[in-house]
PDB file of all heavy atoms in Angstrom:
ATOM      1  N   SER A   1      -3.714   2.420 -16.669  1.00  0.00           N
ATOM      2  CA  SER A   1      -5.148   2.644 -16.499  1.00  0.00           C
ATOM      3  C   SER A   1      -5.491   3.676 -15.416  1.00  0.00           C
ATOM      4  O   SER A   1      -6.619   4.124 -15.521  1.00  0.00           O
ATOM      5  CB  SER A   1      -5.856   1.323 -16.150  1.00  0.00           C
ATOM      6  OG  SER A   1      -5.392   0.686 -15.114  1.00  0.00           O
ATOM      7  N   LYS A   2      -4.571   3.843 -14.566  1.00  0.00           N
ATOM      8  CA  LYS A   2      -4.853   4.820 -13.421  1.00  0.00           C
ATOM      9  C   LYS A   2      -3.945   6.093 -13.585  1.00  0.00           C
ATOM     10  O   LYS A   2      -3.972   6.825 -12.640  1.00  0.00           O
ATOM     11  CB  LYS A   2      -4.510   4.076 -12.149  1.00  0.00           C
ATOM     12  CG  LYS A   2      -5.595   3.105 -11.619  1.00  0.00           C
ATOM     13  CD  LYS A   2      -6.807   3.951 -11.230  1.00  0.00           C
ATOM     14  CE  LYS A   2      -7.847   3.024 -10.504  1.00  0.00           C
ATOM     15  NZ  LYS A   2      -9.036   3.960  -9.964  1.00  0.00           N
ATOM     16  N   THR A   3      -3.443   6.292 -14.737  1.00  0.00           N
ATOM     17  CA  THR A   3      -2.675   7.522 -14.988  1.00  0.00           C
ATOM     18  C   THR A   3      -3.435   8.350 -16.115  1.00  0.00           C
ATOM     19  O   THR A   3      -4.022   7.850 -17.075  1.00  0.00           O
ATOM     20  CB  THR A   3      -1.253   7.196 -15.528  1.00  0.00           C
ATOM     21  OG1 THR A   3      -0.671   6.231 -14.675  1.00  0.00           O
ATOM     22  CG2 THR A   3      -0.437   8.400 -15.666  1.00  0.00           C
ATOM     23  N   ILE A   4      -3.432   9.684 -15.737  1.00  0.00           N
ATOM     24  CA  ILE A   4      -4.119  10.672 -16.657  1.00  0.00           C
ATOM     25  C   ILE A   4      -3.262  11.897 -16.814  1.00  0.00           C
ATOM     26  O   ILE A   4      -2.679  12.458 -15.909  1.00  0.00           O
ATOM     27  CB  ILE A   4      -5.576  11.120 -16.052  1.00  0.00           C
ATOM     28  CG1 ILE A   4      -6.459  10.028 -15.719  1.00  0.00           C
ATOM     29  CG2 ILE A   4      -6.284  12.115 -17.024  1.00  0.00           C
ATOM     30  CD1 ILE A   4      -7.590  10.484 -14.953  1.00  0.00           C
ATOM     31  N   VAL A   5      -3.169  12.263 -18.042  1.00  0.00           N
ATOM     32  CA  VAL A   5      -2.403  13.541 -18.487  1.00  0.00           C
ATOM     33  C   VAL A   5      -3.458  14.437 -19.064  1.00  0.00           C
ATOM     34  O   VAL A   5      -4.230  14.000 -19.943  1.00  0.00           O
ATOM     35  CB  VAL A   5      -1.313  13.301 -19.522  1.00  0.00           C
ATOM     36  CG1 VAL A   5      -0.671  14.622 -19.872  1.00  0.00           C
ATOM     37  CG2 VAL A   5      -0.152  12.403 -18.867  1.00  0.00           C
ATOM     38  N   MET A   6      -3.598  15.682 -18.488  1.00  0.00           N
ATOM     39  CA  MET A   6      -4.618  16.611 -19.036  1.00  0.00           C
ATOM     40  C   MET A   6      -3.943  17.879 -19.617  1.00  0.00           C
ATOM     41  O   MET A   6      -2.885  18.317 -19.208  1.00  0.00           O
ATOM     42  CB  MET A   6      -5.473  17.046 -17.706  1.00  0.00           C
ATOM     43  CG  MET A   6      -5.807  15.802 -16.988  1.00  0.00           C
ATOM     44  SD  MET A   6      -6.590  16.241 -15.351  1.00  0.00           S
ATOM     45  CE  MET A   6      -8.093  16.861 -15.789  1.00  0.00           C
ATOM     46  N   VAL A   7      -4.761  18.401 -20.506  1.00  0.00           N
ATOM     47  CA  VAL A   7      -4.335  19.739 -21.112  1.00  0.00           C
ATOM     48  C   VAL A   7      -5.543  20.623 -21.384  1.00  0.00           C
ATOM     49  O   VAL A   7      -6.721  19.995 -21.521  1.00  0.00           O
ATOM     50  CB  VAL A   7      -3.592  19.424 -22.553  1.00  0.00           C
ATOM     51  CG1 VAL A   7      -4.586  18.895 -23.511  1.00  0.00           C
ATOM     52  CG2 VAL A   7      -2.844  20.825 -23.005  1.00  0.00           C
ATOM     53  N   HIS A   8      -5.354  21.898 -21.256  1.00  0.00           N
ATOM     54  CA  HIS A   8      -6.485  22.798 -21.057  1.00  0.00           C
ATOM     55  C   HIS A   8      -6.888  23.450 -22.534  1.00  0.00           C
ATOM     56  O   HIS A   8      -6.426  22.996 -23.531  1.00  0.00           O
ATOM     57  CB  HIS A   8      -5.995  24.091 -20.271  1.00  0.00           C
ATOM     58  CG  HIS A   8      -4.678  24.661 -20.778  1.00  0.00           C
ATOM     59  ND1 HIS A   8      -4.622  25.519 -21.766  1.00  0.00           N
ATOM     60  CD2 HIS A   8      -3.398  24.333 -20.369  1.00  0.00           C
ATOM     61  CE1 HIS A   8      -3.326  25.743 -21.889  1.00  0.00           C
ATOM     62  NE2 HIS A   8      -2.619  25.081 -21.128  1.00  0.00           N
ATOM     63  N   GLY A   9      -7.800  24.386 -22.520  1.00  0.00           N
ATOM     64  CA  GLY A   9      -8.387  24.991 -23.776  1.00  0.00           C
ATOM     65  C   GLY A   9      -7.634  26.166 -24.069  1.00  0.00           C
ATOM     66  O   GLY A   9      -6.435  26.496 -23.670  1.00  0.00           O
ATOM     67  N   ALA A  10      -8.169  27.055 -24.911  1.00  0.00           N
ATOM     68  CA  ALA A  10      -7.568  28.209 -25.661  1.00  0.00           C
ATOM     69  C   ALA A  10      -7.337  29.396 -24.695  1.00  0.00           C
ATOM     70  O   ALA A  10      -6.656  30.363 -25.096  1.00  0.00           O
ATOM     71  CB  ALA A  10      -8.252  28.571 -26.841  1.00  0.00           C
ATOM     72  N   THR A  11      -8.102  29.487 -23.626  1.00  0.00           N
ATOM     73  CA  THR A  11      -8.052  30.708 -22.888  1.00  0.00           C
ATOM     74  C   THR A  11      -7.546  30.593 -21.412  1.00  0.00           C
ATOM     75  O   THR A  11      -6.702  31.400 -20.918  1.00  0.00           O
ATOM     76  CB  THR A  11      -9.554  31.303 -22.746  1.00  0.00           C
ATOM     77  OG1 THR A  11      -9.999  31.461 -23.990  1.00  0.00           O
ATOM     78  CG2 THR A  11      -9.537  32.555 -21.972  1.00  0.00           C
ATOM     79  N   PHE A  12      -8.010  29.572 -20.780  1.00  0.00           N
ATOM     80  CA  PHE A  12      -7.600  29.301 -19.358  1.00  0.00           C
ATOM     81  C   PHE A  12      -6.742  28.025 -19.191  1.00  0.00           C
ATOM     82  O   PHE A  12      -6.749  27.071 -19.883  1.00  0.00           O
ATOM     83  CB  PHE A  12      -8.864  29.174 -18.513  1.00  0.00           C
ATOM     84  CG  PHE A  12      -9.624  30.299 -18.652  1.00  0.00           C
ATOM     85  CD1 PHE A  12     -11.089  30.192 -19.173  1.00  0.00           C
ATOM     86  CD2 PHE A  12      -9.406  31.579 -18.188  1.00  0.00           C
ATOM     87  CE1 PHE A  12     -11.862  31.232 -19.293  1.00  0.00           C
ATOM     88  CE2 PHE A  12     -10.338  32.709 -18.116  1.00  0.00           C
ATOM     89  CZ  PHE A  12     -11.559  32.471 -18.812  1.00  0.00           C
ATOM     90  N   SER A  13      -5.808  28.109 -18.132  1.00  0.00           N
ATOM     91  CA  SER A  13      -4.777  27.105 -17.899  1.00  0.00           C
ATOM     92  C   SER A  13      -5.468  25.803 -17.268  1.00  0.00           C
ATOM     93  O   SER A  13      -6.568  25.833 -16.934  1.00  0.00           O
ATOM     94  CB  SER A  13      -3.774  27.711 -16.986  1.00  0.00           C
ATOM     95  OG  SER A  13      -4.252  27.763 -15.548  1.00  0.00           O
ATOM     96  N   SER A  14      -4.634  24.833 -17.083  1.00  0.00           N
ATOM     97  CA  SER A  14      -5.076  23.546 -16.487  1.00  0.00           C
ATOM     98  C   SER A  14      -5.408  23.799 -14.985  1.00  0.00           C
ATOM     99  O   SER A  14      -6.307  23.292 -14.440  1.00  0.00           O
ATOM    100  CB  SER A  14      -4.053  22.564 -16.549  1.00  0.00           C
ATOM    101  OG  SER A  14      -3.895  22.006 -17.924  1.00  0.00           O
ATOM    102  N   GLY A  15      -4.553  24.729 -14.333  1.00  0.00           N
ATOM    103  CA  GLY A  15      -4.886  25.043 -12.980  1.00  0.00           C
ATOM    104  C   GLY A  15      -6.238  25.614 -12.823  1.00  0.00           C
ATOM    105  O   GLY A  15      -7.078  25.319 -11.962  1.00  0.00           O
ATOM    106  N   SER A  16      -6.476  26.599 -13.693  1.00  0.00           N
ATOM    107  CA  SER A  16      -7.680  27.395 -13.761  1.00  0.00           C
ATOM    108  C   SER A  16      -8.960  26.419 -13.882  1.00  0.00           C
ATOM    109  O   SER A  16      -9.997  26.536 -13.298  1.00  0.00           O
ATOM    110  CB  SER A  16      -7.806  28.477 -14.774  1.00  0.00           C
ATOM    111  OG  SER A  16      -9.022  29.021 -14.871  1.00  0.00           O
ATOM    112  N   LEU A  17      -8.993  25.541 -14.905  1.00  0.00           N
ATOM    113  CA  LEU A  17      -9.945  24.829 -15.340  1.00  0.00           C
ATOM    114  C   LEU A  17     -10.239  23.565 -14.502  1.00  0.00           C
ATOM    115  O   LEU A  17     -11.261  23.090 -14.278  1.00  0.00           O
ATOM    116  CB  LEU A  17      -9.842  24.256 -16.792  1.00  0.00           C
ATOM    117  CG  LEU A  17      -9.847  25.395 -17.909  1.00  0.00           C
ATOM    118  CD1 LEU A  17      -9.572  24.929 -19.261  1.00  0.00           C
ATOM    119  CD2 LEU A  17     -11.363  26.021 -17.864  1.00  0.00           C
ATOM    120  N   TYR A  18      -9.062  22.942 -14.000  1.00  0.00           N
ATOM    121  CA  TYR A  18      -9.071  21.537 -13.392  1.00  0.00           C
ATOM    122  C   TYR A  18      -8.681  21.542 -11.995  1.00  0.00           C
ATOM    123  O   TYR A  18      -8.899  20.468 -11.309  1.00  0.00           O
ATOM    124  CB  TYR A  18      -8.168  20.721 -14.201  1.00  0.00           C
ATOM    125  CG  TYR A  18      -8.433  20.584 -15.580  1.00  0.00           C
ATOM    126  CD1 TYR A  18      -7.311  20.538 -16.483  1.00  0.00           C
ATOM    127  CD2 TYR A  18      -9.644  20.590 -16.184  1.00  0.00           C
ATOM    128  CE1 TYR A  18      -7.471  20.386 -17.856  1.00  0.00           C
ATOM    129  CE2 TYR A  18      -9.863  20.492 -17.685  1.00  0.00           C
ATOM    130  CZ  TYR A  18      -8.809  20.482 -18.422  1.00  0.00           C
ATOM    131  OH  TYR A  18      -8.935  20.424 -19.700  1.00  0.00           O
ATOM    132  N   ASP A  19      -8.215  22.622 -11.414  1.00  0.00           N
ATOM    133  CA  ASP A  19      -7.754  22.457 -10.037  1.00  0.00           C
ATOM    134  C   ASP A  19      -8.075  23.660  -9.043  1.00  0.00           C
ATOM    135  O   ASP A  19      -7.303  23.955  -8.059  1.00  0.00           O
ATOM    136  CB  ASP A  19      -6.244  22.287  -9.988  1.00  0.00           C
ATOM    137  CG  ASP A  19      -5.771  21.587  -8.649  1.00  0.00           C
ATOM    138  OD1 ASP A  19      -6.463  20.778  -8.226  1.00  0.00           O
ATOM    139  OD2 ASP A  19      -4.533  21.832  -8.379  1.00  0.00           O
ATOM    140  N   VAL A  20      -9.304  24.390  -9.233  1.00  0.00           N
ATOM    141  CA  VAL A  20      -9.693  25.264  -8.358  1.00  0.00           C
ATOM    142  C   VAL A  20     -10.716  24.551  -7.430  1.00  0.00           C
ATOM    143  O   VAL A  20     -11.506  23.931  -7.936  1.00  0.00           O
ATOM    144  CB  VAL A  20     -10.420  26.543  -8.897  1.00  0.00           C
ATOM    145  CG1 VAL A  20     -11.051  27.395  -7.869  1.00  0.00           C
ATOM    146  CG2 VAL A  20      -9.399  27.313  -9.889  1.00  0.00           C
ATOM    147  N   PRO A  21     -10.387  24.569  -6.189  1.00  0.00           N
ATOM    148  CA  PRO A  21     -11.327  23.702  -5.176  1.00  0.00           C
ATOM    149  C   PRO A  21     -12.617  24.282  -5.017  1.00  0.00           C
ATOM    150  O   PRO A  21     -12.993  24.594  -3.922  1.00  0.00           O
ATOM    151  CB  PRO A  21     -10.379  23.556  -3.959  1.00  0.00           C
ATOM    152  CG  PRO A  21      -9.656  24.922  -3.964  1.00  0.00           C
ATOM    153  CD  PRO A  21      -9.321  25.138  -5.381  1.00  0.00           C
ATOM    154  N   LEU A  22     -13.382  24.221  -5.983  1.00  0.00           N
ATOM    155  CA  LEU A  22     -14.894  24.767  -5.965  1.00  0.00           C
ATOM    156  C   LEU A  22     -15.735  23.792  -5.077  1.00  0.00           C
ATOM    157  O   LEU A  22     -15.563  22.586  -5.154  1.00  0.00           O
ATOM    158  CB  LEU A  22     -15.524  24.907  -7.224  1.00  0.00           C
ATOM    159  CG  LEU A  22     -14.700  25.736  -8.182  1.00  0.00           C
ATOM    160  CD1 LEU A  22     -15.378  25.766  -9.560  1.00  0.00           C
ATOM    161  CD2 LEU A  22     -14.634  27.253  -7.772  1.00  0.00           C
ATOM    162  N   GLY A  23     -16.452  24.364  -4.078  1.00  0.00           N
ATOM    163  CA  GLY A  23     -17.115  23.409  -3.151  1.00  0.00           C
ATOM    164  C   GLY A  23     -16.382  22.579  -2.316  1.00  0.00           C
ATOM    165  O   GLY A  23     -16.663  21.545  -1.747  1.00  0.00           O
ATOM    166  N   GLY A  24     -15.077  22.938  -2.232  1.00  0.00           N
ATOM    167  CA  GLY A  24     -14.067  22.313  -1.326  1.00  0.00           C
ATOM    168  C   GLY A  24     -13.177  21.329  -2.063  1.00  0.00           C
ATOM    169  O   GLY A  24     -12.227  20.721  -1.495  1.00  0.00           O
ATOM    170  N   PHE A  25     -13.343  20.993  -3.297  1.00  0.00           N
ATOM    171  CA  PHE A  25     -12.447  20.065  -4.031  1.00  0.00           C
ATOM    172  C   PHE A  25     -12.541  20.396  -5.533  1.00  0.00           C
ATOM    173  O   PHE A  25     -13.618  20.828  -6.034  1.00  0.00           O
ATOM    174  CB  PHE A  25     -12.833  18.573  -3.823  1.00  0.00           C
ATOM    175  CG  PHE A  25     -14.196  18.108  -4.283  1.00  0.00           C
ATOM    176  CD1 PHE A  25     -14.373  17.552  -5.524  1.00  0.00           C
ATOM    177  CD2 PHE A  25     -15.277  18.402  -3.580  1.00  0.00           C
ATOM    178  CE1 PHE A  25     -15.662  17.205  -5.965  1.00  0.00           C
ATOM    179  CE2 PHE A  25     -16.614  18.030  -4.041  1.00  0.00           C
ATOM    180  CZ  PHE A  25     -16.751  17.428  -5.315  1.00  0.00           C
ATOM    181  N   SER A  26     -11.457  20.057  -6.197  1.00  0.00           N
ATOM    182  CA  SER A  26     -11.293  20.252  -7.656  1.00  0.00           C
ATOM    183  C   SER A  26     -11.557  18.922  -8.428  1.00  0.00           C
ATOM    184  O   SER A  26     -11.629  17.917  -7.787  1.00  0.00           O
ATOM    185  CB  SER A  26      -9.941  20.921  -7.985  1.00  0.00           C
ATOM    186  OG  SER A  26      -8.996  19.880  -7.738  1.00  0.00           O
ATOM    187  N   PHE A  27     -11.535  19.214  -9.727  1.00  0.00           N
ATOM    188  CA  PHE A  27     -11.701  17.936 -10.605  1.00  0.00           C
ATOM    189  C   PHE A  27     -10.502  17.020 -10.395  1.00  0.00           C
ATOM    190  O   PHE A  27     -10.579  15.905 -10.361  1.00  0.00           O
ATOM    191  CB  PHE A  27     -11.652  18.403 -12.008  1.00  0.00           C
ATOM    192  CG  PHE A  27     -11.828  17.327 -13.055  1.00  0.00           C
ATOM    193  CD1 PHE A  27     -12.505  16.147 -12.749  1.00  0.00           C
ATOM    194  CD2 PHE A  27     -11.149  17.411 -14.291  1.00  0.00           C
ATOM    195  CE1 PHE A  27     -12.506  15.061 -13.802  1.00  0.00           C
ATOM    196  CE2 PHE A  27     -11.328  16.478 -15.271  1.00  0.00           C
ATOM    197  CZ  PHE A  27     -12.028  15.267 -14.888  1.00  0.00           C
ATOM    198  N   MET A  28      -9.156  17.588 -10.254  1.00  0.00           N
ATOM    199  CA  MET A  28      -8.008  16.831  -9.892  1.00  0.00           C
ATOM    200  C   MET A  28      -8.042  16.123  -8.553  1.00  0.00           C
ATOM    201  O   MET A  28      -7.672  14.974  -8.443  1.00  0.00           O
ATOM    202  CB  MET A  28      -6.737  17.753 -10.121  1.00  0.00           C
ATOM    203  CG  MET A  28      -6.405  18.298 -11.448  1.00  0.00           C
ATOM    204  SD  MET A  28      -4.924  19.037 -11.724  1.00  0.00           S
ATOM    205  CE  MET A  28      -3.715  17.771 -11.495  1.00  0.00           C
ATOM    206  N   ASP A  29      -8.602  16.817  -7.612  1.00  0.00           N
ATOM    207  CA  ASP A  29      -8.846  16.227  -6.257  1.00  0.00           C
ATOM    208  C   ASP A  29      -9.738  15.102  -6.440  1.00  0.00           C
ATOM    209  O   ASP A  29      -9.374  13.930  -5.795  1.00  0.00           O
ATOM    210  CB  ASP A  29      -9.431  17.203  -5.280  1.00  0.00           C
ATOM    211  CG  ASP A  29      -8.594  18.435  -4.952  1.00  0.00           C
ATOM    212  OD1 ASP A  29      -7.225  18.282  -4.988  1.00  0.00           O
ATOM    213  OD2 ASP A  29      -9.026  19.454  -4.640  1.00  0.00           O
ATOM    214  N   TYR A  30     -10.795  15.042  -6.999  1.00  0.00           N
ATOM    215  CA  TYR A  30     -11.842  14.068  -7.286  1.00  0.00           C
ATOM    216  C   TYR A  30     -11.167  12.877  -7.876  1.00  0.00           C
ATOM    217  O   TYR A  30     -11.341  11.773  -7.417  1.00  0.00           O
ATOM    218  CB  TYR A  30     -12.935  14.536  -8.119  1.00  0.00           C
ATOM    219  CG  TYR A  30     -13.886  13.439  -8.517  1.00  0.00           C
ATOM    220  CD1 TYR A  30     -15.072  13.209  -7.676  1.00  0.00           C
ATOM    221  CD2 TYR A  30     -13.758  12.756  -9.548  1.00  0.00           C
ATOM    222  CE1 TYR A  30     -15.919  12.183  -7.986  1.00  0.00           C
ATOM    223  CE2 TYR A  30     -14.676  11.667  -9.968  1.00  0.00           C
ATOM    224  CZ  TYR A  30     -15.828  11.481  -9.095  1.00  0.00           C
ATOM    225  OH  TYR A  30     -16.660  10.491  -9.429  1.00  0.00           O
ATOM    226  N   LEU A  31     -10.334  13.044  -8.954  1.00  0.00           N
ATOM    227  CA  LEU A  31      -9.653  11.998  -9.668  1.00  0.00           C
ATOM    228  C   LEU A  31      -8.672  11.289  -8.793  1.00  0.00           C
ATOM    229  O   LEU A  31      -8.528  10.059  -8.768  1.00  0.00           O
ATOM    230  CB  LEU A  31      -9.073  12.487 -10.927  1.00  0.00           C
ATOM    231  CG  LEU A  31     -10.004  12.906 -11.998  1.00  0.00           C
ATOM    232  CD1 LEU A  31      -9.331  13.630 -13.053  1.00  0.00           C
ATOM    233  CD2 LEU A  31     -10.934  11.724 -12.544  1.00  0.00           C
ATOM    234  N   ALA A  32      -7.940  12.154  -7.964  1.00  0.00           N
ATOM    235  CA  ALA A  32      -6.913  11.536  -7.028  1.00  0.00           C
ATOM    236  C   ALA A  32      -7.465  10.772  -5.999  1.00  0.00           C
ATOM    237  O   ALA A  32      -6.861   9.548  -5.647  1.00  0.00           O
ATOM    238  CB  ALA A  32      -5.989  12.578  -6.625  1.00  0.00           C
ATOM    239  N   VAL A  33      -8.527  11.218  -5.488  1.00  0.00           N
ATOM    240  CA  VAL A  33      -9.271  10.366  -4.440  1.00  0.00           C
ATOM    241  C   VAL A  33      -9.880   9.112  -5.015  1.00  0.00           C
ATOM    242  O   VAL A  33      -9.915   8.003  -4.358  1.00  0.00           O
ATOM    243  CB  VAL A  33     -10.406  11.196  -3.690  1.00  0.00           C
ATOM    244  CG1 VAL A  33     -11.285  10.357  -2.843  1.00  0.00           C
ATOM    245  CG2 VAL A  33      -9.755  12.277  -2.998  1.00  0.00           C
ATOM    246  N   ARG A  34     -10.223   9.116  -6.357  1.00  0.00           N
ATOM    247  CA  ARG A  34     -10.651   7.949  -6.974  1.00  0.00           C
ATOM    248  C   ARG A  34      -9.411   6.958  -7.316  1.00  0.00           C
ATOM    249  O   ARG A  34      -9.701   5.844  -7.746  1.00  0.00           O
ATOM    250  CB  ARG A  34     -11.319   8.221  -8.174  1.00  0.00           C
ATOM    251  CG  ARG A  34     -12.699   8.816  -8.079  1.00  0.00           C
ATOM    252  CD  ARG A  34     -13.807   7.846  -8.028  1.00  0.00           C
ATOM    253  NE  ARG A  34     -14.090   7.142  -9.224  1.00  0.00           N
ATOM    254  CZ  ARG A  34     -15.326   7.013  -9.901  1.00  0.00           C
ATOM    255  NH1 ARG A  34     -16.275   7.952  -9.545  1.00  0.00           N
ATOM    256  NH2 ARG A  34     -15.467   6.239 -10.929  1.00  0.00           N
ATOM    257  N   GLY A  35      -8.295   7.345  -6.961  1.00  0.00           N
ATOM    258  CA  GLY A  35      -7.139   6.451  -7.150  1.00  0.00           C
ATOM    259  C   GLY A  35      -6.282   6.777  -8.340  1.00  0.00           C
ATOM    260  O   GLY A  35      -5.285   6.053  -8.774  1.00  0.00           O
ATOM    261  N   PHE A  36      -6.545   7.939  -9.076  1.00  0.00           N
ATOM    262  CA  PHE A  36      -5.736   8.226 -10.218  1.00  0.00           C
ATOM    263  C   PHE A  36      -4.552   8.956  -9.878  1.00  0.00           C
ATOM    264  O   PHE A  36      -4.469   9.840  -8.953  1.00  0.00           O
ATOM    265  CB  PHE A  36      -6.623   8.959 -11.258  1.00  0.00           C
ATOM    266  CG  PHE A  36      -7.729   8.168 -11.893  1.00  0.00           C
ATOM    267  CD1 PHE A  36      -8.977   8.170 -11.463  1.00  0.00           C
ATOM    268  CD2 PHE A  36      -7.420   7.419 -13.001  1.00  0.00           C
ATOM    269  CE1 PHE A  36     -10.031   7.494 -12.029  1.00  0.00           C
ATOM    270  CE2 PHE A  36      -8.311   6.701 -13.562  1.00  0.00           C
ATOM    271  CZ  PHE A  36      -9.668   6.685 -13.195  1.00  0.00           C
ATOM    272  N   ASP A  37      -3.480   8.831 -10.840  1.00  0.00           N
ATOM    273  CA  ASP A  37      -2.282   9.630 -10.744  1.00  0.00           C
ATOM    274  C   ASP A  37      -2.501  10.661 -11.808  1.00  0.00           C
ATOM    275  O   ASP A  37      -2.403  10.222 -13.029  1.00  0.00           O
ATOM    276  CB  ASP A  37      -1.120   8.598 -10.977  1.00  0.00           C
ATOM    277  CG  ASP A  37       0.166   9.159 -10.746  1.00  0.00           C
ATOM    278  OD1 ASP A  37       0.244  10.091  -9.994  1.00  0.00           O
ATOM    279  OD2 ASP A  37       1.190   8.517 -11.247  1.00  0.00           O
ATOM    280  N   VAL A  38      -2.748  11.919 -11.454  1.00  0.00           N
ATOM    281  CA  VAL A  38      -3.230  12.843 -12.382  1.00  0.00           C
ATOM    282  C   VAL A  38      -2.092  13.877 -12.636  1.00  0.00           C
ATOM    283  O   VAL A  38      -1.594  14.510 -11.715  1.00  0.00           O
ATOM    284  CB  VAL A  38      -4.444  13.501 -11.985  1.00  0.00           C
ATOM    285  CG1 VAL A  38      -5.036  14.460 -13.066  1.00  0.00           C
ATOM    286  CG2 VAL A  38      -5.377  12.495 -11.429  1.00  0.00           C
ATOM    287  N   PHE A  39      -1.788  14.182 -13.874  1.00  0.00           N
ATOM    288  CA  PHE A  39      -0.835  15.179 -14.291  1.00  0.00           C
ATOM    289  C   PHE A  39      -1.526  16.158 -15.264  1.00  0.00           C
ATOM    290  O   PHE A  39      -2.074  15.811 -16.142  1.00  0.00           O
ATOM    291  CB  PHE A  39       0.306  14.670 -15.101  1.00  0.00           C
ATOM    292  CG  PHE A  39       1.049  13.637 -14.282  1.00  0.00           C
ATOM    293  CD1 PHE A  39       0.679  12.236 -14.090  1.00  0.00           C
ATOM    294  CD2 PHE A  39       2.251  14.145 -13.609  1.00  0.00           C
ATOM    295  CE1 PHE A  39       1.428  11.463 -13.319  1.00  0.00           C
ATOM    296  CE2 PHE A  39       3.118  13.087 -12.846  1.00  0.00           C
ATOM    297  CZ  PHE A  39       2.574  11.800 -12.761  1.00  0.00           C
TER     298      PHE A  39
END
């Protein structure tokens, strides 16, 4: 329940879409702080 596997779209990678720290934190950062194990 606390594990997430993510995959990206047709143009940009997972790092580009999910892990650029805009405003100081990324989507992956947010989920990890909420207690998720995110891949």
